[in-house]
Amino acid sequence: MENIIERYHKFVKPAYNTFIKPTKQYADIIIPRGGSNTIAIDLINYHLKYKMVKLFPGNINKFIIEKLNKYNKNNNENENEKVNFDNN
């Protein structure tokens, strides 16, 4: 265990302080716990779907939603979480 802690302090922490920490101020969004934070990722995914539908009104909405829902299905997203934005 001491060996792991020693390597962390010798390699990981200095690399983080040199490369990651200084660039965090320029990030628009930071997702804590990265790819394992499915709630944050789903929230961003939903927001992007919403923005795309608003940017491309009309029949292309169906195309965008179908493609995004197909992508989500392929990435094991819950089938009940399909997006359906109405233009009404």
Foldseek 3Di string as FASTA:
>chain_A
DVVVVVCCVVPVVVCCVVPPVVCPVVDPDDDPPPPVPVVVVVVVLVVVLVVVCVVDDDPCNVVSQVVSLVVCVVVVHDNVPRDDDDPD
